Structure formats: C-alpha cells, structure tokens
Amino acid sequence: MAKLLYVTVSPLTSEKSKSINVGEHFLNEYKANHPNDTIETLDLFKDEIPFLNQDIFDAWSVLKSGESIETLSKEDQYKVRRNDELLNQFIGADKIVFVNPMWNLFFPPVLKAYIDILCVARKTFMYTAEGPVGLLKDKKVLHIQSSGGVYDRSEGAPIVDFGDAYLKHMMGFFGIFDYEAIHIDGIDAAPDKKDEIMGEAKDKASKLAREF
C-alpha cells in the first residue's frame, strides 16, 4: 500500500480550471486503480503555507542554539510546527502529484513558498564533498499543468516554461528522478480545440493513473 500526496495550486474550481479538471480526472482514475492506497490532499490556496520570513529564521536560530520551542512566541511555535508538518508529510509520501496553472511562464508563487519549506538539509538533501545529494530516492512525481499557449519543452530548446523546468530540477535536487508531466497547452490560443486538448490530457491522465 502506497501513500499519494495530491497537491493543488489553483484558486479556481474544476469548472473553471483546466488543470484542476484534469487533476480530478487523474485522481478518480487513480482511486479506481489503486483502491488500497492512502491519499492525502493539500490545497496551497486554502491550507496554511507559511512564507519564509525573519520570524521563521529567528525562530530557527533560537532552536539551533539549544533553546526549547516553548521559549518562542505562540505564533512562531505554530509557524515552525507547520513547516515541520508540511515537510514530514512530503517526506512520508511515496508519490506526489502537483496540479497548477501556468502564471506568467511560472507557477503561482505559493508553490515556490511550499518548495522553500521542503528544502531542508539532512531531510530532503545533504551536502557532501562532491556537492548536494538528494535523499528522497524512491518517490514518483507527476506534474499536471495548464497554459494558454503552446511551449517547446524538448531537450535543447530555450526554457520558456520555467515552472515545469524548476519543479523538475528541484525534485531531482531531492533525489526524485521519476518525473512525469501532463501539459494542457494551447486552449487560450486555439479555443476551438478545447475538447480535443482536454481529451488528450485526460487520456494521458488515465494511462498514468494505472501506472503511477
């Protein structure tokens, strides 16, 4: 039995969001094909995702000095514990699915804040004499992303979809190289092809749901 962490990064519902629509299709197919797996959901627009700031850095300095977490203010205790909760949830998952729209050639900023929380030495990576090494070797990641235009993501092409490129790089930084993506591209550029584009994306989602 595996644990799937399903992370959504959109302020819209499936009726208005192409990425959430395909993501929900994937999740339903996944449940049908993996009925014994545990599924946890995380909505980055609804759940509390602390941005790294001076309060958190100061709190970490206090804890590194050997002080108890109880010496922190109630607010700072919450932020530190929430960061740890999110980090442990990610580490504890066997499979992770990210679902988001492209915003200005990247993803919504709250996803960057979430990734920042995951970048913890000796938890998701470690420093060695040869450079940083990822510690999360046996996980899978699926990235489902919608974008209004069409982007060339082939090897050697100039990077324009910075969000997918960054997410793939950071997962590799954590040691996760089993990375798949579903790109729902071009509906804004060619609205007459919406049904075709969504159909192709859902077909790929169904296939991946069986294999993921």
Protein backbone atom coordinates (compact mmCIF):
# COMPACT_ATOMS: atom_id res chain seq x y z
CA MET A 1 0.00 0.00 0.00
CA ALA A 2 1.41 3.38 -1.06
CA LYS A 3 0.71 6.95 0.03
CA LEU A 4 -0.17 9.57 -2.59
CA LEU A 5 0.11 13.27 -1.82
CA TYR A 6 -2.13 15.31 -4.13
CA VAL A 7 -1.12 19.00 -4.15
CA THR A 8 -3.34 21.55 -5.89
CA VAL A 9 -2.16 25.08 -6.65
CA SER A 10 -5.09 26.99 -8.08
CA PRO A 11 -7.67 29.43 -6.68
CA LEU A 12 -10.29 28.08 -9.14
CA THR A 13 -12.61 25.08 -9.10
CA SER A 14 -12.61 22.30 -11.68
CA GLU A 15 -15.42 24.05 -13.57
CA LYS A 16 -13.10 26.97 -14.33
CA SER A 17 -9.62 25.48 -14.02
CA LYS A 18 -8.33 23.19 -16.76
CA SER A 19 -5.51 21.87 -14.59
CA ILE A 20 -7.83 21.07 -11.65
CA ASN A 21 -10.30 19.43 -14.04
CA VAL A 22 -7.65 17.09 -15.43
CA GLY A 23 -6.18 16.61 -11.95
CA GLU A 24 -9.51 15.45 -10.57
CA HIS A 25 -9.89 13.08 -13.53
CA PHE A 26 -6.46 11.62 -12.73
CA LEU A 27 -7.31 11.29 -9.03
CA ASN A 28 -10.59 9.48 -9.71
CA GLU A 29 -8.86 7.09 -12.09
CA TYR A 30 -6.04 6.58 -9.59
CA LYS A 31 -8.50 5.69 -6.81
CA ALA A 32 -10.18 3.15 -9.09
CA ASN A 33 -6.86 1.53 -9.98
CA HIS A 34 -5.23 1.70 -6.54
CA PRO A 35 -8.10 1.21 -4.08
CA ASN A 36 -5.81 0.27 -1.17
CA ASP A 37 -3.56 3.32 -1.38
CA THR A 38 -3.78 6.21 1.06
CA ILE A 39 -4.45 9.64 -0.45
CA GLU A 40 -3.70 12.94 1.27
CA THR A 41 -4.70 16.24 -0.31
CA LEU A 42 -3.07 19.64 0.14
CA ASP A 43 -4.62 22.81 -1.32
CA LEU A 44 -1.95 25.50 -1.29
CA PHE A 45 -4.55 28.24 -1.75
CA LYS A 46 -6.67 27.10 1.20
CA ASP A 47 -4.26 25.40 3.61
CA GLU A 48 -1.78 27.41 5.65
CA ILE A 49 1.59 27.66 3.86
CA PRO A 50 3.98 29.91 5.82
CA PHE A 51 6.30 32.01 3.67
CA LEU A 52 9.87 32.04 4.94
CA ASN A 53 10.46 35.36 6.72
CA GLN A 54 12.50 36.91 9.51
CA ASP A 55 10.27 35.39 12.21
CA ILE A 56 10.98 31.86 10.99
CA PHE A 57 14.70 32.45 10.52
CA ASP A 58 14.95 33.95 14.01
CA ALA A 59 12.99 31.03 15.46
CA TRP A 60 15.29 28.52 13.79
CA SER A 61 18.31 30.35 15.22
CA VAL A 62 16.82 30.07 18.71
CA LEU A 63 16.21 26.35 18.28
CA LYS A 64 19.72 25.76 16.88
CA SER A 65 21.16 27.39 19.99
CA GLY A 66 19.56 24.64 22.05
CA GLU A 67 16.56 26.55 23.37
CA SER A 68 13.22 24.79 23.68
CA ILE A 69 10.47 25.56 21.18
CA GLU A 70 8.35 26.65 24.16
CA THR A 71 10.59 29.72 24.50
CA LEU A 72 9.19 31.03 21.20
CA SER A 73 6.01 33.05 20.90
CA LYS A 74 2.83 31.06 20.24
CA GLU A 75 2.76 32.44 16.69
CA ASP A 76 6.35 31.42 15.97
CA GLN A 77 5.80 27.99 17.52
CA TYR A 78 2.90 27.50 15.13
CA LYS A 79 4.96 28.54 12.08
CA VAL A 80 7.83 26.19 12.97
CA ARG A 81 5.50 23.29 13.67
CA ARG A 82 3.51 23.93 10.50
CA ASN A 83 6.72 23.91 8.45
CA ASP A 84 7.72 20.60 10.05
CA GLU A 85 4.25 19.17 9.42
CA LEU A 86 4.39 20.02 5.72
CA LEU A 87 7.95 18.72 5.38
CA ASN A 88 7.16 15.41 7.09
CA GLN A 89 4.02 14.99 5.00
CA PHE A 90 6.07 15.33 1.79
CA ILE A 91 8.82 13.02 3.02
CA GLY A 92 6.23 10.44 4.07
CA ALA A 93 4.57 10.27 0.65
CA ASP A 94 5.55 7.64 -1.91
CA LYS A 95 4.01 9.54 -4.83
CA ILE A 96 3.35 13.26 -5.26
CA VAL A 97 1.08 14.98 -7.77
CA PHE A 98 1.31 18.74 -8.38
CA VAL A 99 -1.63 20.40 -10.18
CA ASN A 100 -1.36 24.04 -11.24
CA PRO A 101 -1.89 26.61 -13.98
CA MET A 102 0.99 28.46 -15.58
CA TRP A 103 1.11 32.06 -14.40
CA ASN A 104 3.41 34.34 -16.40
CA LEU A 105 5.69 31.48 -17.52
CA PHE A 106 5.96 30.15 -13.95
CA PHE A 107 3.56 28.68 -11.41
CA PRO A 108 1.60 30.51 -8.67
CA PRO A 109 4.01 31.91 -6.04
CA VAL A 110 2.59 29.85 -3.19
CA LEU A 111 4.09 26.74 -4.80
CA LYS A 112 7.55 28.34 -4.58
CA ALA A 113 6.85 29.05 -0.89
CA TYR A 114 5.94 25.38 -0.42
CA ILE A 115 9.11 24.18 -2.15
CA ASP A 116 11.15 26.51 0.06
CA ILE A 117 9.71 24.72 3.10
CA LEU A 118 10.85 21.39 1.66
CA CYS A 119 14.47 22.48 1.14
CA VAL A 120 15.93 21.32 4.44
CA ALA A 121 19.46 19.92 4.68
CA ARG A 122 19.66 16.40 6.13
CA LYS A 123 15.94 15.96 5.47
CA THR A 124 15.45 16.18 1.70
CA PHE A 125 19.11 16.61 0.68
CA MET A 126 22.56 16.71 2.22
CA TYR A 127 25.83 18.44 1.46
CA THR A 128 28.81 16.27 0.52
CA ALA A 129 32.34 16.91 -0.70
CA GLU A 130 31.04 16.34 -4.23
CA GLY A 131 28.10 18.72 -3.78
CA PRO A 132 24.49 18.37 -2.61
CA VAL A 133 22.87 14.93 -2.86
CA GLY A 134 19.13 14.23 -2.74
CA LEU A 135 17.85 11.94 -0.01
CA LEU A 136 14.41 11.02 -1.38
CA LYS A 137 15.33 8.28 -3.81
CA ASP A 138 12.24 6.10 -4.12
CA LYS A 139 9.43 8.51 -4.95
CA LYS A 140 7.45 9.44 -8.05
CA VAL A 141 6.21 12.86 -9.12
CA LEU A 142 3.53 13.83 -11.62
CA HIS A 143 3.11 17.46 -12.69
CA ILE A 144 -0.22 18.46 -14.25
CA GLN A 145 -0.10 21.99 -15.66
CA SER A 146 -2.33 24.07 -17.91
CA SER A 147 -1.16 27.00 -20.00
CA GLY A 148 -2.87 29.21 -22.54
CA GLY A 149 -0.10 28.93 -25.13
CA VAL A 150 2.00 26.13 -26.58
CA TYR A 151 5.59 25.66 -25.41
CA ASP A 152 8.52 23.68 -26.75
CA ARG A 153 9.94 21.68 -23.85
CA SER A 154 12.18 19.43 -25.95
CA GLU A 155 15.77 18.92 -24.90
CA GLY A 156 17.96 21.79 -26.12
CA ALA A 157 15.09 24.21 -26.68
CA PRO A 158 15.27 27.53 -24.81
CA ILE A 159 13.45 27.26 -21.48
CA VAL A 160 10.21 29.22 -21.53
CA ASP A 161 8.10 27.11 -19.18
CA PHE A 162 10.17 27.98 -16.13
CA GLY A 163 7.68 26.45 -13.70
CA ASP A 164 7.87 22.89 -15.01
CA ALA A 165 11.64 23.17 -15.51
CA TYR A 166 12.12 24.44 -11.94
CA LEU A 167 9.85 21.82 -10.39
CA LYS A 168 11.60 19.01 -12.25
CA HIS A 169 15.00 20.39 -11.22
CA MET A 170 14.03 20.69 -7.54
CA MET A 171 12.58 17.19 -7.45
CA GLY A 172 15.90 15.96 -8.86
CA PHE A 173 17.67 18.04 -6.19
CA PHE A 174 15.71 15.99 -3.63
CA GLY A 175 16.70 12.76 -5.42
CA ILE A 176 13.38 12.23 -7.22
CA PHE A 177 14.04 11.49 -10.89
CA ASP A 178 10.88 9.52 -11.69
CA TYR A 179 9.07 12.59 -13.04
CA GLU A 180 6.12 12.67 -15.43
CA ALA A 181 4.20 15.66 -16.75
CA ILE A 182 0.86 16.34 -18.39
CA HIS A 183 0.87 19.69 -20.20
CA ILE A 184 -2.55 21.06 -21.10
CA ASP A 185 -1.31 23.59 -23.62
CA GLY A 186 -2.94 25.94 -26.08
CA ILE A 187 -6.62 26.25 -25.25
CA ASP A 188 -6.47 30.04 -24.98
CA ALA A 189 -4.56 30.21 -28.26
CA ALA A 190 -6.96 27.80 -30.01
CA PRO A 191 -10.29 27.73 -28.11
CA ASP A 192 -11.92 25.76 -30.93
CA LYS A 193 -9.62 22.85 -29.98
CA LYS A 194 -10.53 22.84 -26.29
CA ASP A 195 -12.35 19.49 -26.36
CA GLU A 196 -9.52 17.86 -28.29
CA ILE A 197 -6.80 19.23 -25.98
CA MET A 198 -8.70 18.31 -22.81
CA GLY A 199 -9.49 14.87 -24.21
CA GLU A 200 -5.84 14.15 -24.96
CA ALA A 201 -4.82 15.33 -21.49
CA LYS A 202 -7.42 13.15 -19.79
CA ASP A 203 -6.41 10.15 -21.89
CA LYS A 204 -2.82 10.58 -20.71
CA ALA A 205 -4.05 11.09 -17.13
CA SER A 206 -6.00 7.82 -17.30
CA LYS A 207 -2.96 5.94 -18.59
CA LEU A 208 -0.66 7.40 -15.95
CA ALA A 209 -3.22 6.72 -13.20
CA ARG A 210 -2.96 3.00 -13.98
CA GLU A 211 0.84 3.00 -13.99
CA PHE A 212 1.69 5.63 -11.36
